[in-house]
N, C-alpha and C. Protein backbone atom coordinates (compact mmCIF):
# COMPACT_ATOMS: atom_id res chain seq x y z
N MET A 1 151.08 133.62 -14.45
CA MET A 1 150.29 132.23 -14.42
C MET A 1 149.23 132.48 -15.51
N THR A 2 149.57 132.92 -16.68
CA THR A 2 148.63 133.11 -17.67
C THR A 2 148.49 131.96 -18.62
N ASP A 3 149.51 131.09 -18.73
CA ASP A 3 149.36 129.90 -19.70
C ASP A 3 149.15 128.74 -18.84
N LYS A 4 148.69 127.58 -19.58
CA LYS A 4 148.24 126.26 -18.82
C LYS A 4 149.39 125.66 -18.09
N SER A 5 150.57 125.81 -18.68
CA SER A 5 151.74 125.12 -17.99
C SER A 5 152.00 125.79 -16.57
N SER A 6 151.87 126.99 -16.50
CA SER A 6 152.15 127.60 -15.17
C SER A 6 150.96 127.35 -14.25
N VAL A 7 149.81 127.22 -14.62
CA VAL A 7 148.67 126.68 -13.84
C VAL A 7 149.01 125.45 -13.35
N TYR A 8 149.38 124.48 -14.17
CA TYR A 8 149.68 123.12 -13.81
C TYR A 8 150.85 123.16 -12.86
N THR A 9 151.91 123.83 -13.10
CA THR A 9 153.09 123.95 -12.19
C THR A 9 152.66 124.35 -10.82
N HIS A 10 151.84 125.51 -10.79
CA HIS A 10 151.37 126.10 -9.51
C HIS A 10 150.55 125.01 -8.74
N THR A 11 149.59 124.37 -9.50
CA THR A 11 148.76 123.41 -8.80
C THR A 11 149.60 122.20 -8.33
N ALA A 12 150.50 121.71 -9.11
CA ALA A 12 151.36 120.52 -8.84
C ALA A 12 152.19 120.95 -7.56
N ARG A 13 152.69 122.12 -7.49
CA ARG A 13 153.50 122.49 -6.28
C ARG A 13 152.62 122.53 -5.00
N TRP A 14 151.36 123.09 -5.25
CA TRP A 14 150.48 123.31 -4.15
C TRP A 14 150.10 121.90 -3.57
N ILE A 15 149.81 120.94 -4.49
CA ILE A 15 149.24 119.60 -4.11
C ILE A 15 150.43 118.85 -3.54
N ALA A 16 151.62 119.01 -4.01
CA ALA A 16 152.83 118.27 -3.46
C ALA A 16 153.12 118.83 -2.13
N GLN A 17 152.97 120.14 -1.89
CA GLN A 17 153.25 120.55 -0.42
C GLN A 17 152.06 120.13 0.45
N LEU A 18 150.87 120.13 0.02
CA LEU A 18 149.80 119.69 0.85
C LEU A 18 149.85 118.22 1.10
N SER A 19 150.19 117.42 0.08
CA SER A 19 150.30 115.79 0.38
C SER A 19 151.48 115.46 1.25
N GLY A 20 152.38 116.29 1.39
CA GLY A 20 153.61 115.84 2.17
C GLY A 20 153.44 116.32 3.63
N ARG A 21 152.30 116.91 4.01
CA ARG A 21 152.10 117.33 5.35
C ARG A 21 151.61 116.26 6.32
N PRO A 22 151.80 116.27 7.64
CA PRO A 22 151.36 115.27 8.57
C PRO A 22 149.95 115.11 8.59
N ILE A 23 149.20 116.38 8.45
CA ILE A 23 147.81 116.30 8.57
C ILE A 23 147.14 115.48 7.39
N THR A 24 147.74 115.59 6.23
CA THR A 24 147.19 114.76 5.10
C THR A 24 147.38 113.39 5.36
N PHE A 25 148.43 112.98 5.87
CA PHE A 25 148.65 111.48 6.24
C PHE A 25 147.63 111.10 7.32
N LEU A 26 147.32 111.91 8.28
CA LEU A 26 146.43 111.55 9.29
C LEU A 26 144.89 111.57 8.63
N LEU A 27 144.65 112.47 7.70
CA LEU A 27 143.33 112.28 7.04
C LEU A 27 143.25 111.08 6.24
N ALA A 28 144.33 110.60 5.63
CA ALA A 28 144.21 109.34 4.85
C ALA A 28 143.97 108.22 5.84
N VAL A 29 144.67 108.11 6.93
CA VAL A 29 144.53 107.13 7.95
C VAL A 29 143.08 107.15 8.52
N ALA A 30 142.48 108.38 8.68
CA ALA A 30 141.09 108.53 9.21
C ALA A 30 140.19 107.91 8.14
N ILE A 31 140.36 108.23 6.80
CA ILE A 31 139.48 107.58 5.83
C ILE A 31 139.48 106.21 5.82
N ILE A 32 140.80 105.44 6.05
CA ILE A 32 140.79 104.11 6.03
C ILE A 32 140.17 103.53 7.33
N VAL A 33 140.35 104.28 8.46
CA VAL A 33 139.60 103.74 9.76
C VAL A 33 138.14 103.85 9.52
N VAL A 34 137.57 104.91 8.90
CA VAL A 34 136.12 104.99 8.70
C VAL A 34 135.73 103.88 7.74
N TRP A 35 136.49 103.57 6.72
CA TRP A 35 136.15 102.55 5.71
C TRP A 35 136.05 101.22 6.46
N VAL A 36 137.18 100.93 7.27
CA VAL A 36 137.13 99.57 8.00
C VAL A 36 135.98 99.51 8.96
N ILE A 37 135.66 100.62 9.76
CA ILE A 37 134.59 100.57 10.68
C ILE A 37 133.18 100.42 9.95
N SER A 38 133.16 100.88 8.75
CA SER A 38 131.92 100.80 7.94
C SER A 38 131.69 99.47 7.34
N GLY A 39 132.61 98.67 7.35
CA GLY A 39 132.55 97.25 6.78
C GLY A 39 131.39 96.47 7.30
N PRO A 40 131.19 96.36 8.64
CA PRO A 40 130.12 95.52 9.06
C PRO A 40 128.77 96.21 8.65
N VAL A 41 128.67 97.52 8.59
CA VAL A 41 127.39 98.14 8.17
C VAL A 41 127.03 97.73 6.81
N PHE A 42 128.02 97.63 5.81
CA PHE A 42 127.82 97.27 4.43
C PHE A 42 128.06 95.71 4.21
N GLY A 43 128.16 94.98 5.33
CA GLY A 43 128.24 93.58 5.19
C GLY A 43 129.58 93.13 4.43
N PHE A 44 130.58 93.93 4.54
CA PHE A 44 131.97 93.58 3.93
C PHE A 44 131.63 93.27 2.47
N SER A 45 130.78 93.93 1.79
CA SER A 45 130.32 93.54 0.42
C SER A 45 131.45 93.90 -0.58
N ASP A 46 131.24 93.38 -1.78
CA ASP A 46 132.10 93.70 -2.96
C ASP A 46 132.16 95.16 -3.20
N THR A 47 130.98 95.80 -3.12
CA THR A 47 130.94 97.17 -3.25
C THR A 47 131.66 97.97 -2.28
N TRP A 48 131.65 97.51 -1.09
CA TRP A 48 132.46 98.22 -0.01
C TRP A 48 133.92 98.17 -0.27
N GLN A 49 134.32 96.91 -0.68
CA GLN A 49 135.79 96.75 -1.14
C GLN A 49 136.13 97.54 -2.29
N LEU A 50 135.23 97.65 -3.32
CA LEU A 50 135.51 98.35 -4.56
C LEU A 50 135.69 99.75 -4.25
N VAL A 51 134.98 100.33 -3.34
CA VAL A 51 135.08 101.85 -2.92
C VAL A 51 136.54 102.12 -2.66
N ILE A 52 137.12 101.42 -1.68
CA ILE A 52 138.54 101.77 -1.37
C ILE A 52 139.44 101.43 -2.29
N ASN A 53 139.28 100.32 -3.10
CA ASN A 53 140.11 99.93 -4.12
C ASN A 53 140.19 101.02 -5.19
N THR A 54 138.97 101.43 -5.60
CA THR A 54 138.87 102.45 -6.69
C THR A 54 139.47 103.68 -6.25
N GLY A 55 139.18 104.22 -5.08
CA GLY A 55 139.69 105.47 -4.45
C GLY A 55 141.25 105.42 -4.36
N THR A 56 141.82 104.37 -3.85
CA THR A 56 143.28 104.34 -3.70
C THR A 56 143.91 104.24 -5.12
N THR A 57 143.31 103.54 -6.07
CA THR A 57 143.91 103.41 -7.39
C THR A 57 143.89 104.72 -7.97
N ILE A 58 142.85 105.60 -8.03
CA ILE A 58 142.76 106.86 -8.56
C ILE A 58 143.75 107.81 -8.04
N ILE A 59 143.86 107.80 -6.72
CA ILE A 59 144.73 108.71 -5.98
C ILE A 59 146.22 108.30 -6.29
N THR A 60 146.51 107.06 -6.35
CA THR A 60 147.91 106.56 -6.66
C THR A 60 148.26 107.02 -8.07
N PHE A 61 147.26 106.68 -9.03
CA PHE A 61 147.52 106.95 -10.45
C PHE A 61 147.86 108.51 -10.51
N LEU A 62 147.20 109.41 -9.97
CA LEU A 62 147.45 110.81 -10.06
C LEU A 62 148.68 111.24 -9.33
N MET A 63 149.05 110.60 -8.15
CA MET A 63 150.11 110.90 -7.44
C MET A 63 151.45 110.54 -8.21
N VAL A 64 151.33 109.56 -9.05
CA VAL A 64 152.60 109.21 -9.86
C VAL A 64 152.93 110.31 -10.72
N PHE A 65 151.95 110.91 -11.38
CA PHE A 65 152.34 112.15 -12.25
C PHE A 65 152.84 113.31 -11.48
N LEU A 66 152.20 113.49 -10.33
CA LEU A 66 152.64 114.63 -9.40
C LEU A 66 154.05 114.44 -8.95
N ILE A 67 154.34 113.24 -8.49
CA ILE A 67 155.66 112.89 -8.03
C ILE A 67 156.66 112.98 -9.18
N GLN A 68 156.37 112.61 -10.30
CA GLN A 68 157.30 112.72 -11.46
C GLN A 68 157.50 114.24 -11.80
N ASN A 69 156.46 114.93 -11.73
CA ASN A 69 156.65 116.45 -12.11
C ASN A 69 157.56 117.15 -11.00
N THR A 70 157.27 116.79 -9.79
CA THR A 70 158.05 117.27 -8.69
C THR A 70 159.55 116.90 -8.78
N GLN A 71 159.75 115.65 -9.06
CA GLN A 71 161.02 115.02 -9.17
C GLN A 71 161.83 115.76 -10.37
N ASN A 72 161.18 115.86 -11.51
CA ASN A 72 161.71 116.54 -12.76
C ASN A 72 162.19 117.87 -12.39
N ARG A 73 161.32 118.77 -11.78
CA ARG A 73 161.61 120.06 -11.42
C ARG A 73 162.88 120.16 -10.42
N ASP A 74 162.88 119.31 -9.37
CA ASP A 74 163.97 119.14 -8.46
C ASP A 74 165.20 118.78 -9.09
N THR A 75 165.22 117.81 -9.98
CA THR A 75 166.39 117.33 -10.74
C THR A 75 166.89 118.49 -11.59
N VAL A 76 166.10 119.20 -12.43
CA VAL A 76 166.69 120.32 -13.20
C VAL A 76 167.23 121.39 -12.29
N ALA A 77 166.63 121.74 -11.24
CA ALA A 77 167.19 122.69 -10.34
C ALA A 77 168.57 122.26 -9.74
N MET A 78 168.62 120.99 -9.29
CA MET A 78 169.73 120.38 -8.71
C MET A 78 170.86 120.51 -9.71
N GLN A 79 170.58 120.04 -11.00
CA GLN A 79 171.63 120.06 -12.09
C GLN A 79 172.08 121.44 -12.41
N LEU A 80 171.18 122.37 -12.40
CA LEU A 80 171.70 123.76 -12.59
C LEU A 80 172.58 124.26 -11.55
N LYS A 81 172.18 123.90 -10.37
CA LYS A 81 173.06 124.46 -9.24
C LYS A 81 174.48 123.70 -9.41
N LEU A 82 174.52 122.32 -9.60
CA LEU A 82 175.77 121.66 -9.65
C LEU A 82 176.58 122.31 -10.90
N ASP A 83 175.82 122.54 -12.08
CA ASP A 83 176.51 123.16 -13.30
C ASP A 83 177.14 124.44 -12.83
N GLU A 84 176.43 125.28 -12.03
CA GLU A 84 176.98 126.61 -11.55
C GLU A 84 178.23 126.42 -10.79
N LEU A 85 178.19 125.43 -9.88
CA LEU A 85 179.30 125.13 -9.11
C LEU A 85 180.55 124.71 -9.95
N ILE A 86 180.23 123.88 -10.93
CA ILE A 86 181.42 123.42 -11.83
C ILE A 86 181.85 124.60 -12.64
N ARG A 87 180.96 125.43 -13.22
CA ARG A 87 181.33 126.63 -13.95
C ARG A 87 182.09 127.69 -13.11
N ALA A 88 181.84 127.77 -11.92
CA ALA A 88 182.48 128.83 -11.03
C ALA A 88 183.82 128.28 -10.39
N THR A 89 184.10 127.02 -10.45
CA THR A 89 185.23 126.41 -9.83
C THR A 89 186.40 126.35 -10.74
N LYS A 90 187.43 127.06 -10.34
CA LYS A 90 188.69 127.19 -11.25
C LYS A 90 189.24 125.81 -11.46
N GLY A 91 189.48 125.56 -12.74
CA GLY A 91 190.10 124.24 -12.86
C GLY A 91 189.06 123.10 -13.10
N ALA A 92 187.86 123.35 -13.01
CA ALA A 92 186.90 122.37 -13.10
C ALA A 92 186.64 122.04 -14.66
N HIS A 93 186.36 120.82 -14.93
CA HIS A 93 186.17 120.48 -16.31
C HIS A 93 184.66 120.72 -16.85
N LEU A 94 184.60 121.67 -17.65
CA LEU A 94 183.31 122.22 -18.21
C LEU A 94 182.61 121.04 -18.96
N SER A 95 183.38 120.02 -19.48
CA SER A 95 182.76 118.87 -20.25
C SER A 95 181.85 118.10 -19.27
N LEU A 96 181.89 118.37 -17.94
CA LEU A 96 181.07 117.56 -17.06
C LEU A 96 179.69 118.20 -16.83
N LEU A 97 179.46 119.46 -17.54
CA LEU A 97 178.30 120.27 -17.29
C LEU A 97 177.05 119.48 -17.74
N ASP A 98 177.05 118.71 -18.76
CA ASP A 98 175.79 118.14 -19.31
C ASP A 98 175.94 116.58 -19.20
N LEU A 99 176.50 115.94 -18.33
CA LEU A 99 176.68 114.59 -18.23
C LEU A 99 175.35 113.74 -18.36
N GLU A 100 174.23 114.51 -17.84
CA GLU A 100 172.89 113.71 -17.98
C GLU A 100 172.34 113.51 -19.27
N GLU A 101 172.96 114.28 -20.28
CA GLU A 101 172.65 114.26 -21.66
C GLU A 101 173.41 113.16 -22.51
N LEU A 102 174.37 112.63 -21.88
CA LEU A 102 175.32 111.72 -22.57
C LEU A 102 174.56 110.40 -22.87
N GLU A 103 175.12 109.68 -23.90
CA GLU A 103 174.72 108.18 -24.05
C GLU A 103 175.36 107.41 -22.95
N GLU A 104 174.83 106.16 -22.84
CA GLU A 104 175.41 105.28 -21.86
C GLU A 104 176.85 105.09 -21.91
N LYS A 105 177.30 104.78 -23.08
CA LYS A 105 178.76 104.48 -23.35
C LYS A 105 179.62 105.58 -22.93
N GLU A 106 179.22 106.94 -23.25
CA GLU A 106 180.05 108.03 -22.82
C GLU A 106 180.00 108.16 -21.40
N LEU A 107 178.81 108.04 -20.78
CA LEU A 107 178.69 108.19 -19.25
C LEU A 107 179.54 107.03 -18.58
N ALA A 108 179.52 105.88 -19.10
CA ALA A 108 180.26 104.72 -18.49
C ALA A 108 181.85 105.02 -18.51
N ALA A 109 182.28 105.69 -19.60
CA ALA A 109 183.48 106.13 -19.67
C ALA A 109 184.05 107.05 -18.60
N PHE A 110 183.14 108.02 -18.22
CA PHE A 110 183.39 109.03 -17.20
C PHE A 110 183.42 108.23 -15.81
N VAL A 111 182.54 107.34 -15.74
CA VAL A 111 182.33 106.59 -14.43
C VAL A 111 183.62 105.85 -14.16
N CYS A 112 184.23 105.17 -15.31
CA CYS A 112 185.49 104.46 -15.10
C CYS A 112 186.62 105.33 -14.78
N GLN A 113 186.68 106.62 -15.44
CA GLN A 113 187.77 107.50 -15.07
C GLN A 113 187.65 107.88 -13.58
N TYR A 114 186.50 108.20 -13.06
CA TYR A 114 186.38 108.68 -11.71
C TYR A 114 186.59 107.53 -10.64
N GLU A 115 186.24 106.29 -11.10
CA GLU A 115 186.55 105.17 -10.22
C GLU A 115 188.03 104.96 -10.18
N ALA A 116 188.76 105.22 -11.29
CA ALA A 116 190.21 105.02 -11.29
C ALA A 116 190.68 106.13 -10.40
N LEU A 117 190.24 107.28 -10.44
CA LEU A 117 190.72 108.47 -9.59
C LEU A 117 190.58 107.96 -8.17
N ALA A 118 189.37 107.48 -7.76
CA ALA A 118 189.03 107.10 -6.39
C ALA A 118 190.16 105.99 -5.99
N ALA A 119 190.43 105.11 -6.89
CA ALA A 119 191.39 103.97 -6.46
C ALA A 119 192.72 104.61 -6.30
N MET A 120 193.14 105.61 -7.11
CA MET A 120 194.44 106.30 -6.97
C MET A 120 194.39 106.90 -5.68
N GLY A 121 193.37 107.50 -5.27
CA GLY A 121 193.25 108.24 -3.93
C GLY A 121 193.44 107.26 -2.77
N ARG A 122 192.69 106.16 -2.81
CA ARG A 122 192.80 105.13 -1.84
C ARG A 122 194.21 104.58 -1.74
N SER A 123 194.87 104.36 -2.84
CA SER A 123 196.20 103.89 -2.91
C SER A 123 197.26 104.86 -2.21
N GLN A 124 196.91 106.10 -2.43
CA GLN A 124 197.73 107.19 -1.78
C GLN A 124 197.56 107.12 -0.34
N LEU A 125 196.41 106.97 0.15
CA LEU A 125 196.03 106.89 1.61
C LEU A 125 196.77 105.72 2.23
N GLU A 126 196.78 104.55 1.45
CA GLU A 126 197.34 103.41 1.99
C GLU A 126 198.93 103.52 2.20
N LYS A 127 199.55 104.36 1.36
CA LYS A 127 200.85 104.67 1.39
C LYS A 127 201.19 105.78 2.35
N GLY A 128 200.18 106.26 3.04
CA GLY A 128 200.37 107.23 3.96
C GLY A 128 200.58 108.73 3.39
N ARG A 129 200.16 108.89 2.17
CA ARG A 129 200.16 110.22 1.57
C ARG A 129 198.82 110.74 1.42
N PRO A 130 198.70 112.06 1.28
CA PRO A 130 197.39 112.69 1.04
C PRO A 130 196.69 112.19 -0.29
N ASP A 131 195.44 112.22 -0.15
CA ASP A 131 194.66 111.78 -1.38
C ASP A 131 194.07 112.98 -2.21
N THR A 132 194.57 114.14 -1.98
CA THR A 132 194.14 115.34 -2.67
C THR A 132 194.85 115.58 -3.83
N GLY A 133 194.27 116.46 -4.68
CA GLY A 133 194.92 116.79 -5.94
C GLY A 133 193.86 116.98 -7.07
N THR A 134 194.35 117.48 -8.23
CA THR A 134 193.36 117.52 -9.30
C THR A 134 194.03 116.97 -10.59
N PRO A 135 194.21 115.63 -10.63
CA PRO A 135 194.56 115.02 -11.93
C PRO A 135 193.60 115.24 -12.89
N GLU A 136 194.05 115.29 -14.26
CA GLU A 136 193.22 115.61 -15.38
C GLU A 136 192.40 114.37 -15.70
N VAL A 137 191.19 114.74 -16.14
CA VAL A 137 190.28 113.61 -16.77
C VAL A 137 190.34 114.04 -18.32
N VAL A 138 190.97 113.26 -19.12
CA VAL A 138 191.30 113.58 -20.44
C VAL A 138 190.11 113.67 -21.52
N SER A 139 189.39 112.64 -21.64
CA SER A 139 188.45 112.53 -22.67
C SER A 139 187.17 111.77 -22.18
N ARG A 140 186.19 111.87 -23.03
CA ARG A 140 184.92 111.25 -22.74
C ARG A 140 184.92 109.67 -22.92
N THR A 141 185.66 109.21 -23.83
CA THR A 141 185.69 107.86 -24.26
C THR A 141 186.99 107.07 -24.11
N ALA A 142 188.00 107.81 -23.76
CA ALA A 142 189.31 107.10 -23.58
C ALA A 142 189.23 106.27 -22.35
N PRO A 143 189.91 105.05 -22.41
CA PRO A 143 189.81 104.31 -21.11
C PRO A 143 190.63 104.89 -20.13
N PRO A 144 190.32 104.62 -18.84
CA PRO A 144 190.91 105.41 -17.66
C PRO A 144 192.49 105.26 -17.74
N GLU A 145 193.00 104.22 -17.99
CA GLU A 145 194.46 104.12 -17.89
C GLU A 145 195.19 104.99 -18.95
N LYS A 146 194.38 105.34 -20.03
CA LYS A 146 195.00 106.31 -20.98
C LYS A 146 194.62 107.70 -20.84
N SER A 147 193.50 107.82 -20.03
CA SER A 147 192.89 109.12 -19.89
C SER A 147 193.34 109.94 -18.75
N LEU A 148 193.75 109.25 -17.70
CA LEU A 148 194.12 109.81 -16.41
C LEU A 148 195.59 110.13 -16.42
N SER A 149 196.01 111.30 -16.25
CA SER A 149 197.42 111.71 -16.24
C SER A 149 197.63 112.65 -15.24
N PRO A 150 198.96 112.75 -14.58
CA PRO A 150 199.20 113.67 -13.59
C PRO A 150 198.87 115.23 -14.01
N ARG A 151 199.40 115.56 -15.03
CA ARG A 151 199.24 116.92 -15.65
C ARG A 151 199.78 116.97 -17.19
N SER A 152 198.77 117.35 -17.94
CA SER A 152 199.18 117.40 -19.42
C SER A 152 198.60 118.57 -20.05
N LYS A 153 198.99 118.91 -21.24
CA LYS A 153 198.53 120.15 -21.96
C LYS A 153 197.17 120.05 -22.39
N ALA A 154 196.46 121.12 -22.34
CA ALA A 154 195.11 121.14 -22.81
C ALA A 154 195.06 121.41 -24.31
N SER A 155 194.03 120.79 -24.92
CA SER A 155 193.90 120.85 -26.39
C SER A 155 193.18 122.27 -26.67
N ALA A 156 193.14 122.55 -27.96
CA ALA A 156 192.46 123.71 -28.45
C ALA A 156 191.02 123.87 -27.94
N LYS A 157 190.32 122.83 -27.77
CA LYS A 157 188.92 122.77 -27.41
C LYS A 157 188.75 122.93 -25.91
N GLY A 158 189.95 122.93 -25.18
CA GLY A 158 189.82 123.08 -23.76
C GLY A 158 189.84 121.68 -23.05
N ARG A 159 189.82 120.71 -23.78
CA ARG A 159 189.95 119.29 -23.20
C ARG A 159 191.34 118.90 -23.41
N THR A 160 191.79 118.02 -22.45
CA THR A 160 193.09 117.48 -22.54
C THR A 160 193.23 116.41 -23.51
N SER A 161 194.16 116.51 -24.36
CA SER A 161 194.30 115.43 -25.43
C SER A 161 195.00 114.21 -24.79
N PRO A 162 194.48 112.94 -25.04
CA PRO A 162 195.32 111.78 -24.59
C PRO A 162 196.59 111.67 -25.07
N THR A 163 197.00 112.42 -26.19
CA THR A 163 198.32 112.41 -26.64
C THR A 163 199.22 113.50 -26.23
N ALA A 164 198.63 114.51 -25.50
CA ALA A 164 199.30 115.72 -25.10
C ALA A 164 200.54 115.38 -24.38
N GLY A 165 201.56 115.96 -24.76
CA GLY A 165 202.89 115.80 -23.95
C GLY A 165 203.66 114.65 -24.61
N LYS A 166 203.10 113.83 -25.47
CA LYS A 166 203.84 112.70 -26.04
C LYS A 166 204.41 113.18 -27.35
N LYS A 167 205.61 112.80 -27.67
CA LYS A 167 206.31 113.17 -29.03
C LYS A 167 205.80 112.28 -30.03
N ALA A 168 205.41 112.73 -31.16
CA ALA A 168 204.92 111.84 -32.25
C ALA A 168 206.26 111.27 -33.00
N PRO A 169 206.10 110.02 -33.43
CA PRO A 169 207.25 109.41 -34.22
C PRO A 169 207.62 110.29 -35.39
N ALA A 170 208.86 110.32 -35.76
CA ALA A 170 209.37 111.03 -36.89
C ALA A 170 208.56 110.75 -38.11
N GLY A 171 208.24 111.65 -38.92
CA GLY A 171 207.45 111.51 -40.13
C GLY A 171 205.98 111.47 -40.01
N SER A 172 205.35 111.35 -38.83
CA SER A 172 203.97 111.26 -38.59
C SER A 172 203.41 112.67 -38.47
N PRO A 173 202.19 112.92 -38.83
CA PRO A 173 201.53 114.17 -38.73
C PRO A 173 201.28 114.53 -37.21
N PRO A 174 201.46 115.69 -36.79
CA PRO A 174 201.20 116.16 -35.47
C PRO A 174 199.70 115.97 -35.17
N GLY A 175 199.45 115.71 -33.79
CA GLY A 175 198.05 115.73 -33.29
C GLY A 175 197.38 114.40 -33.20
């Protein structure tokens, strides 16, 4: 904890743990009860209202950053754990490791492919067949009807080519 970021991280974790405890909630409720009870003493003045409004605004403002920090750390940790599961699973598509870094169009193509896989699985179940298996997901941007195939050959980059297994017309270059 020698640099400022580690001090911030340590403090953010400590505050996040503290703020999530039941006693902290009860303390917040107690503060509000004291504020409400003190209303008649201060004649329900504008200053009396300003105190609670300012206090809650400041706390809310700071908690937004704390929550975002906590969420960012949790998201990175979860992504790394999922990436490790993908990496360690035989036959898993390594191209799925960094999906959170893709552009919307590329991500939408993957979503379409997996929605098509789900539809195929439901179709299998309706026919009384098992919905298990590992059909290939071919490319990032190919439409699902062209990218989903029962089993095809892998390309040199480790991805399955949309044209793998198809014969090229005579006279055309391979690939």
